[in-house]
Amino acid sequence: MKRFLLLCLVLTQLPACSIQPWVQPYERANLADPIMSFGRNPVSEAYHKHVFEAREGARGGEGSQGGGCGCN
């Protein structure tokens, strides 16, 4: 019985190894567009996040964007 259950478990999990990603690499640019954010006005939200980070003294704690050069 244990072998049968183990075989069933393996057979149900085996198709998960062959799943293709839902978002293709050439479609990711569309998802990174600011229009895809949850808020109504992404530019205004970015400004409010900047002000919040400056007040809190925790720059970058909200996941702000940057180029990696330290020039945020």
PDB file of N, CA and C in Angstrom:
ATOM      1  N   MET A   1       0.822  -1.202   0.000  1.00  0.00           N
ATOM      2  CA  MET A   1       0.000   0.000   0.000  1.00  0.00           C
ATOM      3  C   MET A   1       0.870   1.271   0.000  1.00  0.00           C
ATOM      4  N   LYS A   2       1.958   1.237   0.783  1.00  0.00           N
ATOM      5  CA  LYS A   2       2.836   2.403   0.851  1.00  0.00           C
ATOM      6  C   LYS A   2       3.505   2.656  -0.499  1.00  0.00           C
ATOM      7  N   ARG A   3       3.897   1.592  -1.178  1.00  0.00           N
ATOM      8  CA  ARG A   3       4.519   1.750  -2.487  1.00  0.00           C
ATOM      9  C   ARG A   3       3.532   2.332  -3.499  1.00  0.00           C
ATOM     10  N   PHE A   4       2.291   1.890  -3.402  1.00  0.00           N
ATOM     11  CA  PHE A   4       1.266   2.416  -4.307  1.00  0.00           C
ATOM     12  C   PHE A   4       1.046   3.909  -4.075  1.00  0.00           C
ATOM     13  N   LEU A   5       0.982   4.320  -2.811  1.00  0.00           N
ATOM     14  CA  LEU A   5       0.807   5.741  -2.494  1.00  0.00           C
ATOM     15  C   LEU A   5       2.013   6.564  -2.949  1.00  0.00           C
ATOM     16  N   LEU A   6       3.199   6.004  -2.760  1.00  0.00           N
ATOM     17  CA  LEU A   6       4.398   6.705  -3.204  1.00  0.00           C
ATOM     18  C   LEU A   6       4.414   6.829  -4.727  1.00  0.00           C
ATOM     19  N   LEU A   7       4.023   5.774  -5.418  1.00  0.00           N
ATOM     20  CA  LEU A   7       3.946   5.813  -6.873  1.00  0.00           C
ATOM     21  C   LEU A   7       2.929   6.851  -7.339  1.00  0.00           C
ATOM     22  N   CYS A   8       1.774   6.907  -6.688  1.00  0.00           N
ATOM     23  CA  CYS A   8       0.764   7.917  -7.039  1.00  0.00           C
ATOM     24  C   CYS A   8       1.277   9.325  -6.796  1.00  0.00           C
ATOM     25  N   LEU A   9       1.987   9.514  -5.693  1.00  0.00           N
ATOM     26  CA  LEU A   9       2.545  10.837  -5.386  1.00  0.00           C
ATOM     27  C   LEU A   9       3.570  11.253  -6.441  1.00  0.00           C
ATOM     28  N   VAL A  10       4.440  10.333  -6.813  1.00  0.00           N
ATOM     29  CA  VAL A  10       5.454  10.642  -7.819  1.00  0.00           C
ATOM     30  C   VAL A  10       4.796  10.939  -9.162  1.00  0.00           C
ATOM     31  N   LEU A  11       3.809  10.152  -9.531  1.00  0.00           N
ATOM     32  CA  LEU A  11       3.148  10.360 -10.822  1.00  0.00           C
ATOM     33  C   LEU A  11       2.358  11.663 -10.869  1.00  0.00           C
ATOM     34  N   THR A  12       1.837  12.121  -9.749  1.00  0.00           N
ATOM     35  CA  THR A  12       1.107  13.391  -9.756  1.00  0.00           C
ATOM     36  C   THR A  12       2.059  14.590  -9.771  1.00  0.00           C
ATOM     37  N   GLN A  13       3.272  14.424  -9.242  1.00  0.00           N
ATOM     38  CA  GLN A  13       4.219  15.530  -9.196  1.00  0.00           C
ATOM     39  C   GLN A  13       5.123  15.592 -10.420  1.00  0.00           C
ATOM     40  N   LEU A  14       5.208  14.513 -11.176  1.00  0.00           N
ATOM     41  CA  LEU A  14       6.091  14.463 -12.340  1.00  0.00           C
ATOM     42  C   LEU A  14       5.748  15.482 -13.426  1.00  0.00           C
ATOM     43  N   PRO A  15       4.486  15.742 -13.751  1.00  0.00           N
ATOM     44  CA  PRO A  15       4.200  16.755 -14.781  1.00  0.00           C
ATOM     45  C   PRO A  15       4.620  18.170 -14.396  1.00  0.00           C
ATOM     46  N   ALA A  16       4.822  18.439 -13.111  1.00  0.00           N
ATOM     47  CA  ALA A  16       5.230  19.777 -12.682  1.00  0.00           C
ATOM     48  C   ALA A  16       6.638  20.113 -13.150  1.00  0.00           C
ATOM     49  N   CYS A  17       7.421  19.110 -13.509  1.00  0.00           N
ATOM     50  CA  CYS A  17       8.790  19.348 -13.969  1.00  0.00           C
ATOM     51  C   CYS A  17       8.839  19.893 -15.397  1.00  0.00           C
ATOM     52  N   SER A  18       7.768  19.770 -16.121  1.00  0.00           N
ATOM     53  CA  SER A  18       7.799  20.175 -17.525  1.00  0.00           C
ATOM     54  C   SER A  18       6.976  21.430 -17.807  1.00  0.00           C
ATOM     55  N   ILE A  19       6.639  22.199 -16.796  1.00  0.00           N
ATOM     56  CA  ILE A  19       5.817  23.395 -16.989  1.00  0.00           C
ATOM     57  C   ILE A  19       6.650  24.495 -17.636  1.00  0.00           C
ATOM     58  N   GLN A  20       6.134  25.076 -18.688  1.00  0.00           N
ATOM     59  CA  GLN A  20       6.762  26.219 -19.338  1.00  0.00           C
ATOM     60  C   GLN A  20       6.394  27.479 -18.559  1.00  0.00           C
ATOM     61  N   PRO A  21       7.266  28.482 -18.535  1.00  0.00           N
ATOM     62  CA  PRO A  21       6.886  29.732 -17.861  1.00  0.00           C
ATOM     63  C   PRO A  21       5.708  30.385 -18.579  1.00  0.00           C
ATOM     64  N   TRP A  22       4.803  30.946 -17.806  1.00  0.00           N
ATOM     65  CA  TRP A  22       3.611  31.573 -18.378  1.00  0.00           C
ATOM     66  C   TRP A  22       3.964  32.850 -19.128  1.00  0.00           C
ATOM     67  N   VAL A  23       4.931  33.563 -18.626  1.00  0.00           N
ATOM     68  CA  VAL A  23       5.327  34.827 -19.245  1.00  0.00           C
ATOM     69  C   VAL A  23       6.618  34.584 -20.019  1.00  0.00           C
ATOM     70  N   GLN A  24       6.558  34.804 -21.300  1.00  0.00           N
ATOM     71  CA  GLN A  24       7.731  34.633 -22.142  1.00  0.00           C
ATOM     72  C   GLN A  24       8.677  35.824 -21.964  1.00  0.00           C
ATOM     73  N   PRO A  25       9.973  35.658 -22.229  1.00  0.00           N
ATOM     74  CA  PRO A  25      10.920  36.762 -22.038  1.00  0.00           C
ATOM     75  C   PRO A  25      10.574  38.015 -22.831  1.00  0.00           C
ATOM     76  N   TYR A  26      10.018  37.852 -24.023  1.00  0.00           N
ATOM     77  CA  TYR A  26       9.687  39.032 -24.816  1.00  0.00           C
ATOM     78  C   TYR A  26       8.412  39.719 -24.325  1.00  0.00           C
ATOM     79  N   GLU A  27       7.660  39.102 -23.407  1.00  0.00           N
ATOM     80  CA  GLU A  27       6.452  39.716 -22.849  1.00  0.00           C
ATOM     81  C   GLU A  27       6.720  40.439 -21.539  1.00  0.00           C
ATOM     82  N   ARG A  28       7.886  40.242 -20.961  1.00  0.00           N
ATOM     83  CA  ARG A  28       8.180  40.813 -19.641  1.00  0.00           C
ATOM     84  C   ARG A  28       8.308  42.326 -19.672  1.00  0.00           C
ATOM     85  N   ALA A  29       8.671  42.884 -20.796  1.00  0.00           N
ATOM     86  CA  ALA A  29       8.767  44.343 -20.903  1.00  0.00           C
ATOM     87  C   ALA A  29       7.392  44.981 -20.724  1.00  0.00           C
ATOM     88  N   ASN A  30       6.342  44.302 -21.190  1.00  0.00           N
ATOM     89  CA  ASN A  30       4.993  44.839 -21.022  1.00  0.00           C
ATOM     90  C   ASN A  30       4.569  44.830 -19.559  1.00  0.00           C
ATOM     91  N   LEU A  31       5.005  43.830 -18.789  1.00  0.00           N
ATOM     92  CA  LEU A  31       4.639  43.754 -17.378  1.00  0.00           C
ATOM     93  C   LEU A  31       5.432  44.726 -16.530  1.00  0.00           C
ATOM     94  N   ALA A  32       6.607  45.138 -16.986  1.00  0.00           N
ATOM     95  CA  ALA A  32       7.418  46.089 -16.237  1.00  0.00           C
ATOM     96  C   ALA A  32       6.989  47.533 -16.485  1.00  0.00           C
ATOM     97  N   ASP A  33       6.038  47.734 -17.360  1.00  0.00           N
ATOM     98  CA  ASP A  33       5.540  49.071 -17.669  1.00  0.00           C
ATOM     99  C   ASP A  33       4.874  49.675 -16.435  1.00  0.00           C
ATOM    100  N   PRO A  34       5.098  50.950 -16.123  1.00  0.00           N
ATOM    101  CA  PRO A  34       4.470  51.559 -14.946  1.00  0.00           C
ATOM    102  C   PRO A  34       2.945  51.520 -14.977  1.00  0.00           C
ATOM    103  N   ILE A  35       2.357  51.389 -16.140  1.00  0.00           N
ATOM    104  CA  ILE A  35       0.903  51.350 -16.222  1.00  0.00           C
ATOM    105  C   ILE A  35       0.357  50.074 -15.581  1.00  0.00           C
ATOM    106  N   MET A  36       1.207  49.052 -15.399  1.00  0.00           N
ATOM    107  CA  MET A  36       0.781  47.785 -14.830  1.00  0.00           C
ATOM    108  C   MET A  36       0.804  47.783 -13.299  1.00  0.00           C
ATOM    109  N   SER A  37       1.145  48.916 -12.679  1.00  0.00           N
ATOM    110  CA  SER A  37       1.192  48.957 -11.221  1.00  0.00           C
ATOM    111  C   SER A  37      -0.221  48.995 -10.652  1.00  0.00           C
ATOM    112  N   PHE A  38      -0.324  48.727  -9.357  1.00  0.00           N
ATOM    113  CA  PHE A  38      -1.625  48.633  -8.716  1.00  0.00           C
ATOM    114  C   PHE A  38      -2.308  49.982  -8.523  1.00  0.00           C
ATOM    115  N   GLY A  39      -1.524  51.021  -8.378  1.00  0.00           N
ATOM    116  CA  GLY A  39      -2.104  52.325  -8.115  1.00  0.00           C
ATOM    117  C   GLY A  39      -2.647  52.987  -9.367  1.00  0.00           C
ATOM    118  N   ARG A  40      -3.425  54.044  -9.163  1.00  0.00           N
ATOM    119  CA  ARG A  40      -4.007  54.760 -10.303  1.00  0.00           C
ATOM    120  C   ARG A  40      -3.000  55.653 -10.997  1.00  0.00           C
ATOM    121  N   ASN A  41      -2.081  56.240 -10.228  1.00  0.00           N
ATOM    122  CA  ASN A  41      -1.104  57.150 -10.801  1.00  0.00           C
ATOM    123  C   ASN A  41       0.286  56.727 -10.334  1.00  0.00           C
ATOM    124  N   PRO A  42       1.018  55.943 -11.138  1.00  0.00           N
ATOM    125  CA  PRO A  42       2.316  55.446 -10.687  1.00  0.00           C
ATOM    126  C   PRO A  42       3.356  56.537 -10.473  1.00  0.00           C
ATOM    127  N   VAL A  43       3.279  57.629 -11.214  1.00  0.00           N
ATOM    128  CA  VAL A  43       4.246  58.715 -11.032  1.00  0.00           C
ATOM    129  C   VAL A  43       4.034  59.380  -9.676  1.00  0.00           C
ATOM    130  N   SER A  44       2.777  59.623  -9.320  1.00  0.00           N
ATOM    131  CA  SER A  44       2.467  60.218  -8.026  1.00  0.00           C
ATOM    132  C   SER A  44       2.857  59.286  -6.883  1.00  0.00           C
ATOM    133  N   GLU A  45       2.618  57.997  -7.058  1.00  0.00           N
ATOM    134  CA  GLU A  45       2.987  57.039  -6.014  1.00  0.00           C
ATOM    135  C   GLU A  45       4.497  56.982  -5.821  1.00  0.00           C
ATOM    136  N   ALA A  46       5.256  57.069  -6.913  1.00  0.00           N
ATOM    137  CA  ALA A  46       6.715  57.069  -6.805  1.00  0.00           C
ATOM    138  C   ALA A  46       7.189  58.295  -6.033  1.00  0.00           C
ATOM    139  N   TYR A  47       6.552  59.439  -6.261  1.00  0.00           N
ATOM    140  CA  TYR A  47       6.918  60.651  -5.524  1.00  0.00           C
ATOM    141  C   TYR A  47       6.585  60.504  -4.039  1.00  0.00           C
ATOM    142  N   HIS A  48       5.416  59.967  -3.739  1.00  0.00           N
ATOM    143  CA  HIS A  48       5.030  59.783  -2.332  1.00  0.00           C
ATOM    144  C   HIS A  48       5.942  58.774  -1.633  1.00  0.00           C
ATOM    145  N   LYS A  49       6.361  57.738  -2.332  1.00  0.00           N
ATOM    146  CA  LYS A  49       7.312  56.792  -1.747  1.00  0.00           C
ATOM    147  C   LYS A  49       8.641  57.472  -1.471  1.00  0.00           C
ATOM    148  N   HIS A  50       9.078  58.336  -2.390  1.00  0.00           N
ATOM    149  CA  HIS A  50      10.332  59.052  -2.196  1.00  0.00           C
ATOM    150  C   HIS A  50      10.255  59.941  -0.962  1.00  0.00           C
ATOM    151  N   VAL A  51       9.152  60.646  -0.797  1.00  0.00           N
ATOM    152  CA  VAL A  51       8.984  61.518   0.374  1.00  0.00           C
ATOM    153  C   VAL A  51       8.941  60.687   1.649  1.00  0.00           C
ATOM    154  N   PHE A  52       8.238  59.545   1.615  1.00  0.00           N
ATOM    155  CA  PHE A  52       8.146  58.681   2.790  1.00  0.00           C
ATOM    156  C   PHE A  52       9.521  58.155   3.180  1.00  0.00           C
ATOM    157  N   GLU A  53      10.307  57.723   2.188  1.00  0.00           N
ATOM    158  CA  GLU A  53      11.640  57.210   2.479  1.00  0.00           C
ATOM    159  C   GLU A  53      12.536  58.308   3.047  1.00  0.00           C
ATOM    160  N   ALA A  54      12.397  59.526   2.555  1.00  0.00           N
ATOM    161  CA  ALA A  54      13.216  60.627   3.064  1.00  0.00           C
ATOM    162  C   ALA A  54      12.840  60.955   4.508  1.00  0.00           C
ATOM    163  N   ARG A  55      11.555  60.880   4.834  1.00  0.00           N
ATOM    164  CA  ARG A  55      11.116  61.150   6.209  1.00  0.00           C
ATOM    165  C   ARG A  55      11.556  60.053   7.167  1.00  0.00           C
ATOM    166  N   GLU A  56      11.469  58.808   6.736  1.00  0.00           N
ATOM    167  CA  GLU A  56      11.798  57.689   7.601  1.00  0.00           C
ATOM    168  C   GLU A  56      13.302  57.483   7.732  1.00  0.00           C
ATOM    169  N   GLY A  57      14.056  57.979   6.780  1.00  0.00           N
ATOM    170  CA  GLY A  57      15.498  57.778   6.816  1.00  0.00           C
ATOM    171  C   GLY A  57      15.882  56.361   6.411  1.00  0.00           C
ATOM    172  N   ALA A  58      14.976  55.667   5.753  1.00  0.00           N
ATOM    173  CA  ALA A  58      15.239  54.290   5.332  1.00  0.00           C
ATOM    174  C   ALA A  58      15.166  54.226   3.813  1.00  0.00           C
ATOM    175  N   ARG A  59      16.120  54.802   3.176  1.00  0.00           N
ATOM    176  CA  ARG A  59      16.105  54.849   1.715  1.00  0.00           C
ATOM    177  C   ARG A  59      16.244  53.443   1.141  1.00  0.00           C
ATOM    178  N   GLY A  60      15.342  53.111   0.219  1.00  0.00           N
ATOM    179  CA  GLY A  60      15.379  51.819  -0.420  1.00  0.00           C
ATOM    180  C   GLY A  60      14.577  50.749   0.297  1.00  0.00           C
ATOM    181  N   GLY A  61      13.963  51.067   1.415  1.00  0.00           N
ATOM    182  CA  GLY A  61      13.199  50.096   2.166  1.00  0.00           C
ATOM    183  C   GLY A  61      11.869  49.740   1.527  1.00  0.00           C
ATOM    184  N   GLU A  62      11.421  50.531   0.594  1.00  0.00           N
ATOM    185  CA  GLU A  62      10.138  50.284  -0.068  1.00  0.00           C
ATOM    186  C   GLU A  62      10.301  49.642  -1.434  1.00  0.00           C
ATOM    187  N   GLY A  63      11.493  49.231  -1.797  1.00  0.00           N
ATOM    188  CA  GLY A  63      11.707  48.627  -3.097  1.00  0.00           C
ATOM    189  C   GLY A  63      11.819  49.633  -4.207  1.00  0.00           C
ATOM    190  N   SER A  64      12.448  50.752  -3.931  1.00  0.00           N
ATOM    191  CA  SER A  64      12.556  51.783  -4.961  1.00  0.00           C
ATOM    192  C   SER A  64      13.504  51.331  -6.059  1.00  0.00           C
ATOM    193  N   GLN A  65      13.357  51.938  -7.236  1.00  0.00           N
ATOM    194  CA  GLN A  65      14.134  51.534  -8.389  1.00  0.00           C
ATOM    195  C   GLN A  65      15.451  52.283  -8.414  1.00  0.00           C
ATOM    196  N   GLY A  66      16.426  51.653  -8.997  1.00  0.00           N
ATOM    197  CA  GLY A  66      17.713  52.285  -9.145  1.00  0.00           C
ATOM    198  C   GLY A  66      18.561  51.533 -10.141  1.00  0.00           C
ATOM    199  N   GLY A  67      19.587  52.158 -10.595  1.00  0.00           N
ATOM    200  CA  GLY A  67      20.436  51.531 -11.592  1.00  0.00           C
ATOM    201  C   GLY A  67      21.574  50.737 -11.011  1.00  0.00           C
ATOM    202  N   GLY A  68      21.752  50.736  -9.715  1.00  0.00           N
ATOM    203  CA  GLY A  68      22.831  50.001  -9.102  1.00  0.00           C
ATOM    204  C   GLY A  68      24.102  50.818  -8.933  1.00  0.00           C
ATOM    205  N   CYS A  69      24.062  52.083  -9.343  1.00  0.00           N
ATOM    206  CA  CYS A  69      25.257  52.910  -9.246  1.00  0.00           C
ATOM    207  C   CYS A  69      25.257  53.757  -7.974  1.00  0.00           C
ATOM    208  N   GLY A  70      24.214  53.704  -7.179  1.00  0.00           N
ATOM    209  CA  GLY A  70      24.138  54.481  -5.962  1.00  0.00           C
ATOM    210  C   GLY A  70      23.714  55.915  -6.171  1.00  0.00           C
ATOM    211  N   CYS A  71      23.115  56.215  -7.303  1.00  0.00           N
ATOM    212  CA  CYS A  71      22.733  57.599  -7.605  1.00  0.00           C
ATOM    213  C   CYS A  71      21.221  57.800  -7.504  1.00  0.00           C
ATOM    214  N   ASN A  72      20.589  57.138  -6.576  1.00  0.00           N
ATOM    215  CA  ASN A  72      19.136  57.297  -6.410  1.00  0.00           C
ATOM    216  C   ASN A  72      18.845  58.660  -5.865  1.00  0.00           C
TER     217      ASN A  72
END
